[in-house]
């Protein structure tokens, strides 16, 4: 099981390894619009555990730029395992 931690309220949500984080982030208050990685509405900041997320998608690279990601699009991420702490 993987754990997604939200900085704004300290909530810890357990997810099966390799799960998308879209639904859990939406329930926590992250705004979503397109859910296709185009609009950028769901940008989250990764505070801890970025290595536990899936690699950035082409959509994320197009929107956020290439390189080391401290920001990700929640609609494009999967949590592989371990702990990831985010804020929005």
PDB file of N, CA and C in Angstrom:
ATOM      1  N   UNK A   1       0.833  -1.190   0.000  1.00  0.00           N
ATOM      2  CA  UNK A   1       0.000   0.000   0.000  1.00  0.00           C
ATOM      3  C   UNK A   1       0.877   1.252   0.000  1.00  0.00           C
ATOM      4  N   UNK A   2       0.420   2.241  -0.720  1.00  0.00           N
ATOM      5  CA  UNK A   2       1.086   3.537  -0.786  1.00  0.00           C
ATOM      6  C   UNK A   2       0.276   4.545   0.027  1.00  0.00           C
ATOM      7  N   UNK A   3       0.925   5.633   0.433  1.00  0.00           N
ATOM      8  CA  UNK A   3       0.254   6.652   1.230  1.00  0.00           C
ATOM      9  C   UNK A   3       0.439   8.022   0.596  1.00  0.00           C
ATOM     10  N   UNK A   4      -0.671   8.718   0.379  1.00  0.00           N
ATOM     11  CA  UNK A   4      -0.665  10.086  -0.115  1.00  0.00           C
ATOM     12  C   UNK A   4      -1.041  10.989   1.048  1.00  0.00           C
ATOM     13  N   UNK A   5      -0.179  11.977   1.344  1.00  0.00           N
ATOM     14  CA  UNK A   5      -0.366  12.864   2.493  1.00  0.00           C
ATOM     15  C   UNK A   5      -0.625  14.272   1.970  1.00  0.00           C
ATOM     16  N   UNK A   6      -1.694  14.895   2.469  1.00  0.00           N
ATOM     17  CA  UNK A   6      -2.048  16.253   2.064  1.00  0.00           C
ATOM     18  C   UNK A   6      -1.591  17.228   3.140  1.00  0.00           C
ATOM     19  N   UNK A   7      -0.728  18.174   2.761  1.00  0.00           N
ATOM     20  CA  UNK A   7      -0.187  19.162   3.703  1.00  0.00           C
ATOM     21  C   UNK A   7      -1.259  20.060   4.306  1.00  0.00           C
ATOM     22  N   UNK A   8      -2.268  20.432   3.524  1.00  0.00           N
ATOM     23  CA  UNK A   8      -3.229  21.434   3.987  1.00  0.00           C
ATOM     24  C   UNK A   8      -4.059  20.964   5.175  1.00  0.00           C
ATOM     25  N   UNK A   9      -4.257  19.653   5.306  1.00  0.00           N
ATOM     26  CA  UNK A   9      -5.069  19.167   6.425  1.00  0.00           C
ATOM     27  C   UNK A   9      -4.456  17.974   7.161  1.00  0.00           C
ATOM     28  N   UNK A  10      -3.283  17.531   6.718  1.00  0.00           N
ATOM     29  CA  UNK A  10      -2.609  16.416   7.373  1.00  0.00           C
ATOM     30  C   UNK A  10      -3.229  15.059   7.092  1.00  0.00           C
ATOM     31  N   UNK A  11      -4.196  15.005   6.194  1.00  0.00           N
ATOM     32  CA  UNK A  11      -4.878  13.744   5.881  1.00  0.00           C
ATOM     33  C   UNK A  11      -3.917  12.773   5.194  1.00  0.00           C
ATOM     34  N   UNK A  12      -3.971  11.513   5.624  1.00  0.00           N
ATOM     35  CA  UNK A  12      -3.213  10.425   5.008  1.00  0.00           C
ATOM     36  C   UNK A  12      -4.215   9.490   4.339  1.00  0.00           C
ATOM     37  N   UNK A  13      -3.993   9.221   3.059  1.00  0.00           N
ATOM     38  CA  UNK A  13      -4.883   8.318   2.333  1.00  0.00           C
ATOM     39  C   UNK A  13      -4.056   7.153   1.807  1.00  0.00           C
ATOM     40  N   UNK A  14      -4.468   5.945   2.137  1.00  0.00           N
ATOM     41  CA  UNK A  14      -3.784   4.763   1.633  1.00  0.00           C
ATOM     42  C   UNK A  14      -4.406   4.340   0.311  1.00  0.00           C
ATOM     43  N   UNK A  15      -3.528   4.002  -0.622  1.00  0.00           N
ATOM     44  CA  UNK A  15      -3.947   3.562  -1.956  1.00  0.00           C
ATOM     45  C   UNK A  15      -3.163   2.316  -2.333  1.00  0.00           C
ATOM     46  N   UNK A  16      -3.752   1.442  -3.134  1.00  0.00           N
ATOM     47  CA  UNK A  16      -2.963   0.312  -3.637  1.00  0.00           C
ATOM     48  C   UNK A  16      -1.790   0.838  -4.475  1.00  0.00           C
ATOM     49  N   UNK A  17      -0.666   0.141  -4.436  1.00  0.00           N
ATOM     50  CA  UNK A  17       0.477   0.526  -5.253  1.00  0.00           C
ATOM     51  C   UNK A  17       0.056   0.669  -6.711  1.00  0.00           C
ATOM     52  N   UNK A  18       0.643   1.641  -7.390  1.00  0.00           N
ATOM     53  CA  UNK A  18       0.415   1.940  -8.804  1.00  0.00           C
ATOM     54  C   UNK A  18      -0.993   2.469  -9.096  1.00  0.00           C
ATOM     55  N   UNK A  19      -1.592   3.146  -8.124  1.00  0.00           N
ATOM     56  CA  UNK A  19      -2.937   3.711  -8.294  1.00  0.00           C
ATOM     57  C   UNK A  19      -2.863   5.137  -8.830  1.00  0.00           C
ATOM     58  N   UNK A  20      -3.835   5.529  -9.665  1.00  0.00           N
ATOM     59  CA  UNK A  20      -3.943   6.949 -10.022  1.00  0.00           C
ATOM     60  C   UNK A  20      -4.347   7.739  -8.781  1.00  0.00           C
ATOM     61  N   UNK A  21      -3.924   9.003  -8.711  1.00  0.00           N
ATOM     62  CA  UNK A  21      -4.239   9.816  -7.540  1.00  0.00           C
ATOM     63  C   UNK A  21      -5.348  10.828  -7.815  1.00  0.00           C
ATOM     64  N   UNK A  22      -5.887  10.844  -9.014  1.00  0.00           N
ATOM     65  CA  UNK A  22      -6.883  11.836  -9.421  1.00  0.00           C
ATOM     66  C   UNK A  22      -8.061  11.914  -8.463  1.00  0.00           C
ATOM     67  N   UNK A  23      -8.719  10.807  -8.224  1.00  0.00           N
ATOM     68  CA  UNK A  23      -9.942  10.798  -7.410  1.00  0.00           C
ATOM     69  C   UNK A  23      -9.669  11.248  -5.979  1.00  0.00           C
ATOM     70  N   UNK A  24      -8.600  10.745  -5.394  1.00  0.00           N
ATOM     71  CA  UNK A  24      -8.260  11.094  -4.011  1.00  0.00           C
ATOM     72  C   UNK A  24      -7.931  12.584  -3.914  1.00  0.00           C
ATOM     73  N   UNK A  25      -7.199  13.105  -4.902  1.00  0.00           N
ATOM     74  CA  UNK A  25      -6.866  14.537  -4.896  1.00  0.00           C
ATOM     75  C   UNK A  25      -8.121  15.393  -5.058  1.00  0.00           C
ATOM     76  N   UNK A  26      -9.016  14.970  -5.924  1.00  0.00           N
ATOM     77  CA  UNK A  26     -10.254  15.719  -6.122  1.00  0.00           C
ATOM     78  C   UNK A  26     -11.071  15.752  -4.831  1.00  0.00           C
ATOM     79  N   UNK A  27     -11.161  14.625  -4.141  1.00  0.00           N
ATOM     80  CA  UNK A  27     -11.890  14.565  -2.871  1.00  0.00           C
ATOM     81  C   UNK A  27     -11.248  15.463  -1.810  1.00  0.00           C
ATOM     82  N   UNK A  28      -9.922  15.661  -1.907  1.00  0.00           N
ATOM     83  CA  UNK A  28      -9.207  16.500  -0.939  1.00  0.00           C
ATOM     84  C   UNK A  28      -9.317  17.984  -1.267  1.00  0.00           C
ATOM     85  N   UNK A  29      -9.863  18.313  -2.459  1.00  0.00           N
ATOM     86  CA  UNK A  29     -10.052  19.721  -2.806  1.00  0.00           C
ATOM     87  C   UNK A  29      -9.219  20.241  -3.949  1.00  0.00           C
ATOM     88  N   UNK A  30      -8.375  19.383  -4.550  1.00  0.00           N
ATOM     89  CA  UNK A  30      -7.612  19.826  -5.720  1.00  0.00           C
ATOM     90  C   UNK A  30      -8.604  20.088  -6.848  1.00  0.00           C
ATOM     91  N   UNK A  31      -8.539  21.271  -7.478  1.00  0.00           N
ATOM     92  CA  UNK A  31      -9.470  21.553  -8.572  1.00  0.00           C
ATOM     93  C   UNK A  31      -9.083  20.791  -9.842  1.00  0.00           C
ATOM     94  N   UNK A  32     -10.071  20.322 -10.555  1.00  0.00           N
ATOM     95  CA  UNK A  32      -9.863  19.627 -11.827  1.00  0.00           C
ATOM     96  C   UNK A  32     -10.774  20.231 -12.877  1.00  0.00           C
ATOM     97  N   UNK A  33     -10.316  20.222 -14.121  1.00  0.00           N
ATOM     98  CA  UNK A  33     -11.146  20.684 -15.233  1.00  0.00           C
ATOM     99  C   UNK A  33     -11.134  19.620 -16.325  1.00  0.00           C
ATOM    100  N   UNK A  34     -10.046  19.514 -17.069  1.00  0.00           N
ATOM    101  CA  UNK A  34     -10.035  18.623 -18.229  1.00  0.00           C
ATOM    102  C   UNK A  34      -9.680  17.176 -17.903  1.00  0.00           C
ATOM    103  N   UNK A  35      -8.881  16.927 -16.897  1.00  0.00           N
ATOM    104  CA  UNK A  35      -8.338  15.618 -16.500  1.00  0.00           C
ATOM    105  C   UNK A  35      -7.535  14.931 -17.607  1.00  0.00           C
ATOM    106  N   UNK A  36      -7.029  15.705 -18.559  1.00  0.00           N
ATOM    107  CA  UNK A  36      -6.243  15.142 -19.663  1.00  0.00           C
ATOM    108  C   UNK A  36      -4.825  15.704 -19.710  1.00  0.00           C
ATOM    109  N   UNK A  37      -4.450  16.517 -18.727  1.00  0.00           N
ATOM    110  CA  UNK A  37      -3.111  17.061 -18.692  1.00  0.00           C
ATOM    111  C   UNK A  37      -2.893  18.268 -19.571  1.00  0.00           C
ATOM    112  N   UNK A  38      -3.971  18.927 -19.964  1.00  0.00           N
ATOM    113  CA  UNK A  38      -3.861  20.058 -20.881  1.00  0.00           C
ATOM    114  C   UNK A  38      -4.071  21.392 -20.172  1.00  0.00           C
ATOM    115  N   UNK A  39      -5.008  21.462 -19.237  1.00  0.00           N
ATOM    116  CA  UNK A  39      -5.408  22.758 -18.669  1.00  0.00           C
ATOM    117  C   UNK A  39      -4.522  23.228 -17.516  1.00  0.00           C
ATOM    118  N   UNK A  40      -3.918  22.312 -16.772  1.00  0.00           N
ATOM    119  CA  UNK A  40      -3.056  22.691 -15.664  1.00  0.00           C
ATOM    120  C   UNK A  40      -3.779  23.066 -14.386  1.00  0.00           C
ATOM    121  N   UNK A  41      -5.066  22.879 -14.334  1.00  0.00           N
ATOM    122  CA  UNK A  41      -5.843  23.233 -13.148  1.00  0.00           C
ATOM    123  C   UNK A  41      -5.405  22.437 -11.924  1.00  0.00           C
ATOM    124  N   UNK A  42      -4.985  21.211 -12.120  1.00  0.00           N
ATOM    125  CA  UNK A  42      -4.710  20.297 -11.008  1.00  0.00           C
ATOM    126  C   UNK A  42      -3.236  20.250 -10.607  1.00  0.00           C
ATOM    127  N   UNK A  43      -2.505  21.327 -10.796  1.00  0.00           N
ATOM    128  CA  UNK A  43      -1.090  21.346 -10.411  1.00  0.00           C
ATOM    129  C   UNK A  43      -0.973  21.167  -8.895  1.00  0.00           C
ATOM    130  N   UNK A  44      -0.124  20.222  -8.500  1.00  0.00           N
ATOM    131  CA  UNK A  44       0.184  20.002  -7.088  1.00  0.00           C
ATOM    132  C   UNK A  44       1.695  20.127  -6.914  1.00  0.00           C
ATOM    133  N   UNK A  45       2.110  20.512  -5.718  1.00  0.00           N
ATOM    134  CA  UNK A  45       3.529  20.584  -5.398  1.00  0.00           C
ATOM    135  C   UNK A  45       3.897  19.334  -4.605  1.00  0.00           C
ATOM    136  N   UNK A  46       4.955  18.679  -5.034  1.00  0.00           N
ATOM    137  CA  UNK A  46       5.419  17.473  -4.350  1.00  0.00           C
ATOM    138  C   UNK A  46       6.427  17.902  -3.289  1.00  0.00           C
ATOM    139  N   UNK A  47       6.074  17.724  -2.035  1.00  0.00           N
ATOM    140  CA  UNK A  47       6.921  18.124  -0.920  1.00  0.00           C
ATOM    141  C   UNK A  47       7.881  17.013  -0.500  1.00  0.00           C
ATOM    142  N   UNK A  48       7.465  15.777  -0.742  1.00  0.00           N
ATOM    143  CA  UNK A  48       8.264  14.628  -0.312  1.00  0.00           C
ATOM    144  C   UNK A  48       7.826  13.419  -1.117  1.00  0.00           C
ATOM    145  N   UNK A  49       8.775  12.591  -1.531  1.00  0.00           N
ATOM    146  CA  UNK A  49       8.456  11.319  -2.166  1.00  0.00           C
ATOM    147  C   UNK A  49       8.224  11.362  -3.659  1.00  0.00           C
ATOM    148  N   UNK A  50       8.793  12.347  -4.370  1.00  0.00           N
ATOM    149  CA  UNK A  50       8.547  12.420  -5.818  1.00  0.00           C
ATOM    150  C   UNK A  50       9.016  11.163  -6.540  1.00  0.00           C
ATOM    151  N   UNK A  51       9.995  10.463  -5.961  1.00  0.00           N
ATOM    152  CA  UNK A  51      10.480   9.219  -6.559  1.00  0.00           C
ATOM    153  C   UNK A  51       9.436   8.105  -6.485  1.00  0.00           C
ATOM    154  N   UNK A  52       8.412   8.282  -5.663  1.00  0.00           N
ATOM    155  CA  UNK A  52       7.361   7.280  -5.520  1.00  0.00           C
ATOM    156  C   UNK A  52       6.193   7.501  -6.476  1.00  0.00           C
ATOM    157  N   UNK A  53       6.313   8.494  -7.350  1.00  0.00           N
ATOM    158  CA  UNK A  53       5.285   8.738  -8.363  1.00  0.00           C
ATOM    159  C   UNK A  53       5.746   8.210  -9.717  1.00  0.00           C
ATOM    160  N   UNK A  54       4.798   7.956 -10.581  1.00  0.00           N
ATOM    161  CA  UNK A  54       5.108   7.551 -11.944  1.00  0.00           C
ATOM    162  C   UNK A  54       5.932   8.648 -12.624  1.00  0.00           C
ATOM    163  N   UNK A  55       6.707   8.303 -13.647  1.00  0.00           N
ATOM    164  CA  UNK A  55       7.465   9.331 -14.367  1.00  0.00           C
ATOM    165  C   UNK A  55       6.513  10.356 -14.998  1.00  0.00           C
ATOM    166  N   UNK A  56       6.980  11.590 -15.159  1.00  0.00           N
ATOM    167  CA  UNK A  56       6.145  12.608 -15.801  1.00  0.00           C
ATOM    168  C   UNK A  56       5.715  12.176 -17.207  1.00  0.00           C
ATOM    169  N   UNK A  57       4.487  12.461 -17.535  1.00  0.00           N
ATOM    170  CA  UNK A  57       3.960  12.135 -18.867  1.00  0.00           C
ATOM    171  C   UNK A  57       4.363  13.217 -19.864  1.00  0.00           C
ATOM    172  N   UNK A  58       4.180  12.937 -21.115  1.00  0.00           N
ATOM    173  CA  UNK A  58       4.440  13.923 -22.177  1.00  0.00           C
ATOM    174  C   UNK A  58       3.601  15.174 -21.940  1.00  0.00           C
ATOM    175  N   UNK A  59       2.342  14.995 -21.516  1.00  0.00           N
ATOM    176  CA  UNK A  59       1.456  16.125 -21.230  1.00  0.00           C
ATOM    177  C   UNK A  59       2.037  17.012 -20.129  1.00  0.00           C
ATOM    178  N   UNK A  60       2.585  16.383 -19.088  1.00  0.00           N
ATOM    179  CA  UNK A  60       3.191  17.160 -18.009  1.00  0.00           C
ATOM    180  C   UNK A  60       4.431  17.905 -18.492  1.00  0.00           C
ATOM    181  N   UNK A  61       5.265  17.233 -19.259  1.00  0.00           N
ATOM    182  CA  UNK A  61       6.455  17.891 -19.782  1.00  0.00           C
ATOM    183  C   UNK A  61       6.083  19.065 -20.677  1.00  0.00           C
ATOM    184  N   UNK A  62       5.040  18.896 -21.487  1.00  0.00           N
ATOM    185  CA  UNK A  62       4.588  19.986 -22.358  1.00  0.00           C
ATOM    186  C   UNK A  62       4.077  21.167 -21.535  1.00  0.00           C
ATOM    187  N   UNK A  63       3.358  20.892 -20.458  1.00  0.00           N
ATOM    188  CA  UNK A  63       2.755  21.960 -19.660  1.00  0.00           C
ATOM    189  C   UNK A  63       3.746  22.572 -18.659  1.00  0.00           C
ATOM    190  N   UNK A  64       4.486  21.717 -17.942  1.00  0.00           N
ATOM    191  CA  UNK A  64       5.356  22.184 -16.859  1.00  0.00           C
ATOM    192  C   UNK A  64       6.806  22.385 -17.287  1.00  0.00           C
ATOM    193  N   UNK A  65       7.178  21.821 -18.421  1.00  0.00           N
ATOM    194  CA  UNK A  65       8.568  21.864 -18.863  1.00  0.00           C
ATOM    195  C   UNK A  65       9.293  20.593 -18.449  1.00  0.00           C
ATOM    196  N   UNK A  66      10.411  20.336 -19.090  1.00  0.00           N
ATOM    197  CA  UNK A  66      11.193  19.137 -18.782  1.00  0.00           C
ATOM    198  C   UNK A  66      12.138  19.411 -17.622  1.00  0.00           C
ATOM    199  N   UNK A  67      12.544  18.357 -16.937  1.00  0.00           N
ATOM    200  CA  UNK A  67      13.522  18.510 -15.859  1.00  0.00           C
ATOM    201  C   UNK A  67      13.044  17.904 -14.566  1.00  0.00           C
ATOM    202  N   UNK A  68      13.625  18.345 -13.473  1.00  0.00           N
ATOM    203  CA  UNK A  68      13.268  17.853 -12.148  1.00  0.00           C
ATOM    204  C   UNK A  68      11.915  18.415 -11.758  1.00  0.00           C
ATOM    205  N   UNK A  69      11.014  17.528 -11.418  1.00  0.00           N
ATOM    206  CA  UNK A  69       9.646  17.955 -11.130  1.00  0.00           C
ATOM    207  C   UNK A  69       9.383  18.080  -9.638  1.00  0.00           C
ATOM    208  N   UNK A  70       9.092  19.300  -9.209  1.00  0.00           N
ATOM    209  CA  UNK A  70       8.577  19.533  -7.856  1.00  0.00           C
ATOM    210  C   UNK A  70       7.093  19.826  -7.960  1.00  0.00           C
ATOM    211  N   UNK A  71       6.645  20.072  -9.173  1.00  0.00           N
ATOM    212  CA  UNK A  71       5.216  20.229  -9.452  1.00  0.00           C
ATOM    213  C   UNK A  71       4.814  19.139 -10.423  1.00  0.00           C
ATOM    214  N   UNK A  72       3.605  18.669 -10.255  1.00  0.00           N
ATOM    215  CA  UNK A  72       3.057  17.648 -11.144  1.00  0.00           C
ATOM    216  C   UNK A  72       1.595  17.964 -11.403  1.00  0.00           C
ATOM    217  N   UNK A  73       1.042  17.337 -12.423  1.00  0.00           N
ATOM    218  CA  UNK A  73      -0.392  17.418 -12.690  1.00  0.00           C
ATOM    219  C   UNK A  73      -1.026  16.198 -12.046  1.00  0.00           C
ATOM    220  N   UNK A  74      -1.896  16.418 -11.080  1.00  0.00           N
ATOM    221  CA  UNK A  74      -2.495  15.306 -10.330  1.00  0.00           C
ATOM    222  C   UNK A  74      -3.241  14.342 -11.242  1.00  0.00           C
ATOM    223  N   UNK A  75      -3.791  14.848 -12.335  1.00  0.00           N
ATOM    224  CA  UNK A  75      -4.552  13.976 -13.241  1.00  0.00           C
ATOM    225  C   UNK A  75      -3.660  13.003 -14.001  1.00  0.00           C
ATOM    226  N   UNK A  76      -2.354  13.240 -14.000  1.00  0.00           N
ATOM    227  CA  UNK A  76      -1.428  12.403 -14.762  1.00  0.00           C
ATOM    228  C   UNK A  76      -0.606  11.458 -13.887  1.00  0.00           C
ATOM    229  N   UNK A  77      -0.662  11.612 -12.575  1.00  0.00           N
ATOM    230  CA  UNK A  77       0.199  10.851 -11.660  1.00  0.00           C
ATOM    231  C   UNK A  77      -0.425   9.545 -11.186  1.00  0.00           C
ATOM    232  N   UNK A  78       0.474   8.584 -11.008  1.00  0.00           N
ATOM    233  CA  UNK A  78       0.142   7.350 -10.307  1.00  0.00           C
ATOM    234  C   UNK A  78       1.138   7.254  -9.157  1.00  0.00           C
ATOM    235  N   UNK A  79       0.674   6.775  -8.014  1.00  0.00           N
ATOM    236  CA  UNK A  79       1.573   6.571  -6.879  1.00  0.00           C
ATOM    237  C   UNK A  79       2.045   5.129  -6.944  1.00  0.00           C
ATOM    238  N   UNK A  80       3.347   4.949  -7.106  1.00  0.00           N
ATOM    239  CA  UNK A  80       3.908   3.611  -7.290  1.00  0.00           C
ATOM    240  C   UNK A  80       3.938   2.828  -5.982  1.00  0.00           C
ATOM    241  N   UNK A  81       4.409   3.469  -4.919  1.00  0.00           N
ATOM    242  CA  UNK A  81       4.528   2.840  -3.607  1.00  0.00           C
ATOM    243  C   UNK A  81       5.037   3.892  -2.639  1.00  0.00           C
ATOM    244  N   UNK A  82       5.191   3.518  -1.385  1.00  0.00           N
ATOM    245  CA  UNK A  82       5.763   4.431  -0.408  1.00  0.00           C
ATOM    246  C   UNK A  82       4.857   5.592  -0.031  1.00  0.00           C
ATOM    247  N   UNK A  83       5.491   6.717   0.365  1.00  0.00           N
ATOM    248  CA  UNK A  83       4.765   7.894   0.833  1.00  0.00           C
ATOM    249  C   UNK A  83       5.048   9.062  -0.104  1.00  0.00           C
ATOM    250  N   UNK A  84       4.009   9.831  -0.372  1.00  0.00           N
ATOM    251  CA  UNK A  84       4.144  11.063  -1.145  1.00  0.00           C
ATOM    252  C   UNK A  84       3.355  12.144  -0.408  1.00  0.00           C
ATOM    253  N   UNK A  85       4.030  13.278  -0.127  1.00  0.00           N
ATOM    254  CA  UNK A  85       3.384  14.411   0.546  1.00  0.00           C
ATOM    255  C   UNK A  85       3.234  15.537  -0.455  1.00  0.00           C
ATOM    256  N   UNK A  86       1.996  16.050  -0.575  1.00  0.00           N
ATOM    257  CA  UNK A  86       1.687  17.071  -1.570  1.00  0.00           C
ATOM    258  C   UNK A  86       0.975  18.267  -0.942  1.00  0.00           C
ATOM    259  N   UNK A  87       1.028  19.383  -1.645  1.00  0.00           N
ATOM    260  CA  UNK A  87       0.204  20.533  -1.280  1.00  0.00           C
ATOM    261  C   UNK A  87      -0.321  21.137  -2.576  1.00  0.00           C
ATOM    262  N   UNK A  88      -1.373  21.918  -2.454  1.00  0.00           N
ATOM    263  CA  UNK A  88      -1.982  22.561  -3.628  1.00  0.00           C
ATOM    264  C   UNK A  88      -2.493  23.913  -3.252  1.00  0.00           C
TER     265      UNK A  88
END
